[in-house]
Amino acid sequence: MELEKMSELEFVVKTAIKTKQSLGLIIEMPGFESPELIINPVENLEKKLEYYKNTYSEDLEHKHAKGIKIIAYTFC
């Protein structure tokens, strides 16, 4: 499912925690033909949400690495 805003990511992370599911984030990066899938175990999601909020903008673009963006998610 596509993501566009940090508020959507927050909702998805909280849903994953509540339903005890790991969360896969699909990350777009310049220079790569296909996006990457990063899987976050449910046990790490609370701290990962803090990390994402500090590292990514409201539009889910990496604040310190131009072109890196969270574009979608999947429950695992």
N, C-alpha and C. Protein backbone atom coordinates (compact mmCIF):
# COMPACT_ATOMS: atom_id res chain seq x y z
N MET A 1 0.84 -1.17 0.00
CA MET A 1 0.00 0.00 0.00
C MET A 1 0.89 1.24 0.00
N GLU A 2 0.49 2.23 -0.74
CA GLU A 2 1.28 3.46 -0.85
C GLU A 2 1.20 4.31 0.42
N LEU A 3 2.28 5.05 0.65
CA LEU A 3 2.35 6.02 1.75
C LEU A 3 2.77 7.36 1.18
N GLU A 4 2.19 8.44 1.70
CA GLU A 4 2.56 9.78 1.24
C GLU A 4 2.96 10.72 2.37
N LYS A 5 2.48 10.47 3.59
CA LYS A 5 2.70 11.40 4.70
C LYS A 5 3.13 10.65 5.96
N MET A 6 3.85 11.36 6.82
CA MET A 6 4.30 10.78 8.08
C MET A 6 3.13 10.33 8.94
N SER A 7 2.04 11.07 8.91
CA SER A 7 0.87 10.67 9.70
C SER A 7 0.34 9.30 9.28
N GLU A 8 0.42 9.00 7.99
CA GLU A 8 0.01 7.68 7.50
C GLU A 8 0.97 6.61 8.01
N LEU A 9 2.26 6.90 7.98
CA LEU A 9 3.24 5.93 8.49
C LEU A 9 3.02 5.69 9.98
N GLU A 10 2.76 6.74 10.74
CA GLU A 10 2.50 6.58 12.18
C GLU A 10 1.31 5.66 12.41
N PHE A 11 0.24 5.85 11.66
CA PHE A 11 -0.95 5.02 11.79
C PHE A 11 -0.64 3.56 11.47
N VAL A 12 0.11 3.33 10.40
CA VAL A 12 0.47 1.98 9.98
C VAL A 12 1.34 1.30 11.04
N VAL A 13 2.32 2.01 11.58
CA VAL A 13 3.18 1.44 12.61
C VAL A 13 2.36 1.08 13.85
N LYS A 14 1.48 1.96 14.28
CA LYS A 14 0.65 1.68 15.45
C LYS A 14 -0.28 0.50 15.20
N THR A 15 -0.79 0.38 13.98
CA THR A 15 -1.63 -0.76 13.62
C THR A 15 -0.82 -2.06 13.68
N ALA A 16 0.39 -2.03 13.16
CA ALA A 16 1.25 -3.22 13.19
C ALA A 16 1.54 -3.65 14.63
N ILE A 17 1.82 -2.68 15.49
CA ILE A 17 2.09 -2.98 16.90
C ILE A 17 0.85 -3.60 17.53
N LYS A 18 -0.30 -2.99 17.30
CA LYS A 18 -1.55 -3.45 17.90
C LYS A 18 -1.91 -4.87 17.44
N THR A 19 -1.63 -5.17 16.18
CA THR A 19 -1.98 -6.49 15.62
C THR A 19 -0.81 -7.47 15.67
N LYS A 20 0.31 -7.03 16.27
CA LYS A 20 1.49 -7.88 16.45
C LYS A 20 2.04 -8.42 15.13
N GLN A 21 2.18 -7.51 14.16
CA GLN A 21 2.72 -7.87 12.86
C GLN A 21 4.01 -7.11 12.59
N SER A 22 4.94 -7.74 11.93
CA SER A 22 6.12 -7.03 11.45
C SER A 22 5.68 -6.13 10.30
N LEU A 23 6.51 -5.13 10.02
CA LEU A 23 6.16 -4.14 8.99
C LEU A 23 7.27 -4.05 7.97
N GLY A 24 6.91 -4.16 6.71
CA GLY A 24 7.85 -3.98 5.62
C GLY A 24 7.66 -2.60 5.01
N LEU A 25 8.77 -1.85 4.88
CA LEU A 25 8.71 -0.55 4.23
C LEU A 25 9.44 -0.62 2.91
N ILE A 26 8.85 -0.03 1.89
CA ILE A 26 9.44 -0.02 0.56
C ILE A 26 10.08 1.34 0.37
N ILE A 27 11.39 1.30 0.12
CA ILE A 27 12.21 2.51 0.06
C ILE A 27 12.73 2.71 -1.36
N GLU A 28 12.51 3.91 -1.87
CA GLU A 28 12.99 4.30 -3.19
C GLU A 28 14.33 5.02 -3.01
N MET A 29 15.33 4.65 -3.83
CA MET A 29 16.65 5.27 -3.73
C MET A 29 17.20 5.57 -5.12
N PRO A 30 17.83 6.73 -5.27
CA PRO A 30 18.40 7.06 -6.57
C PRO A 30 19.51 6.09 -6.95
N GLY A 31 19.58 5.78 -8.23
CA GLY A 31 20.63 4.91 -8.73
C GLY A 31 20.28 3.43 -8.69
N PHE A 32 19.14 3.08 -8.14
CA PHE A 32 18.72 1.69 -8.08
C PHE A 32 17.50 1.50 -8.97
N GLU A 33 17.47 0.40 -9.70
CA GLU A 33 16.37 0.14 -10.62
C GLU A 33 15.06 -0.16 -9.90
N SER A 34 15.15 -0.83 -8.76
CA SER A 34 13.95 -1.23 -8.02
C SER A 34 14.04 -0.74 -6.58
N PRO A 35 12.90 -0.45 -5.98
CA PRO A 35 12.90 -0.08 -4.56
C PRO A 35 13.31 -1.27 -3.70
N GLU A 36 13.74 -0.98 -2.47
CA GLU A 36 14.12 -2.02 -1.52
C GLU A 36 13.02 -2.23 -0.51
N LEU A 37 12.94 -3.45 0.01
CA LEU A 37 12.01 -3.79 1.07
C LEU A 37 12.80 -3.98 2.35
N ILE A 38 12.48 -3.20 3.36
CA ILE A 38 13.12 -3.31 4.67
C ILE A 38 12.07 -3.82 5.64
N ILE A 39 12.38 -4.91 6.34
CA ILE A 39 11.42 -5.49 7.28
C ILE A 39 11.82 -5.13 8.71
N ASN A 40 10.87 -4.57 9.43
CA ASN A 40 11.05 -4.20 10.83
C ASN A 40 10.22 -5.15 11.69
N PRO A 41 10.87 -5.95 12.55
CA PRO A 41 10.11 -6.83 13.44
C PRO A 41 9.23 -6.00 14.38
N VAL A 42 8.09 -6.55 14.74
CA VAL A 42 7.14 -5.84 15.59
C VAL A 42 7.80 -5.35 16.88
N GLU A 43 8.74 -6.10 17.41
CA GLU A 43 9.40 -5.73 18.66
C GLU A 43 10.21 -4.44 18.53
N ASN A 44 10.60 -4.08 17.33
CA ASN A 44 11.42 -2.88 17.10
C ASN A 44 10.61 -1.66 16.67
N LEU A 45 9.33 -1.84 16.42
CA LEU A 45 8.56 -0.78 15.76
C LEU A 45 8.43 0.51 16.57
N GLU A 46 8.31 0.40 17.87
CA GLU A 46 8.16 1.63 18.66
C GLU A 46 9.39 2.53 18.50
N LYS A 47 10.58 1.94 18.63
CA LYS A 47 11.81 2.73 18.46
C LYS A 47 12.02 3.14 17.01
N LYS A 48 11.64 2.28 16.07
CA LYS A 48 11.80 2.62 14.66
C LYS A 48 10.93 3.80 14.28
N LEU A 49 9.74 3.90 14.87
CA LEU A 49 8.88 5.05 14.59
C LEU A 49 9.56 6.33 15.03
N GLU A 50 10.19 6.33 16.19
CA GLU A 50 10.96 7.51 16.63
C GLU A 50 12.04 7.85 15.60
N TYR A 51 12.76 6.82 15.15
CA TYR A 51 13.82 7.02 14.15
C TYR A 51 13.24 7.62 12.87
N TYR A 52 12.16 7.05 12.37
CA TYR A 52 11.57 7.55 11.12
C TYR A 52 11.11 9.00 11.27
N LYS A 53 10.51 9.33 12.41
CA LYS A 53 10.05 10.70 12.62
C LYS A 53 11.21 11.69 12.70
N ASN A 54 12.35 11.27 13.21
CA ASN A 54 13.53 12.14 13.30
C ASN A 54 14.30 12.22 11.98
N THR A 55 14.19 11.19 11.14
CA THR A 55 15.04 11.07 9.96
C THR A 55 14.33 11.43 8.66
N TYR A 56 13.01 11.30 8.64
CA TYR A 56 12.25 11.54 7.41
C TYR A 56 11.32 12.74 7.59
N SER A 57 11.08 13.47 6.50
CA SER A 57 10.20 14.64 6.52
C SER A 57 8.74 14.22 6.55
N GLU A 58 7.86 15.20 6.63
CA GLU A 58 6.42 14.94 6.60
C GLU A 58 6.02 14.24 5.31
N ASP A 59 6.79 14.45 4.23
CA ASP A 59 6.51 13.82 2.94
C ASP A 59 7.28 12.51 2.77
N LEU A 60 7.86 11.99 3.86
CA LEU A 60 8.58 10.72 3.92
C LEU A 60 9.87 10.71 3.10
N GLU A 61 10.46 11.89 2.90
CA GLU A 61 11.75 11.99 2.24
C GLU A 61 12.84 12.07 3.31
N HIS A 62 13.93 11.35 3.08
CA HIS A 62 15.05 11.36 4.04
C HIS A 62 15.59 12.78 4.15
N LYS A 63 15.76 13.25 5.38
CA LYS A 63 16.20 14.63 5.61
C LYS A 63 17.66 14.86 5.27
N HIS A 64 18.47 13.80 5.28
CA HIS A 64 19.92 13.96 5.11
C HIS A 64 20.48 13.25 3.88
N ALA A 65 19.64 12.57 3.13
CA ALA A 65 20.10 11.84 1.94
C ALA A 65 19.08 12.06 0.83
N LYS A 66 19.35 13.03 0.01
CA LYS A 66 18.43 13.42 -1.07
C LYS A 66 18.08 12.23 -1.96
N GLY A 67 16.80 12.11 -2.23
CA GLY A 67 16.32 11.09 -3.15
C GLY A 67 15.85 9.80 -2.48
N ILE A 68 16.16 9.61 -1.21
CA ILE A 68 15.70 8.42 -0.51
C ILE A 68 14.33 8.73 0.08
N LYS A 69 13.37 7.85 -0.18
CA LYS A 69 12.00 8.12 0.23
C LYS A 69 11.26 6.83 0.54
N ILE A 70 10.45 6.85 1.59
CA ILE A 70 9.55 5.74 1.90
C ILE A 70 8.33 5.91 1.01
N ILE A 71 8.00 4.87 0.22
CA ILE A 71 6.92 5.02 -0.74
C ILE A 71 5.73 4.10 -0.47
N ALA A 72 5.95 3.03 0.30
CA ALA A 72 4.86 2.08 0.52
C ALA A 72 5.19 1.16 1.69
N TYR A 73 4.21 0.35 2.05
CA TYR A 73 4.40 -0.59 3.16
C TYR A 73 3.64 -1.89 2.90
N THR A 74 3.99 -2.89 3.68
CA THR A 74 3.26 -4.15 3.70
C THR A 74 3.39 -4.75 5.09
N PHE A 75 2.37 -5.41 5.55
CA PHE A 75 2.47 -6.14 6.81
C PHE A 75 3.09 -7.50 6.52
N CYS A 76 3.92 -7.97 7.41
CA CYS A 76 4.62 -9.25 7.21
C CYS A 76 4.22 -10.25 8.27
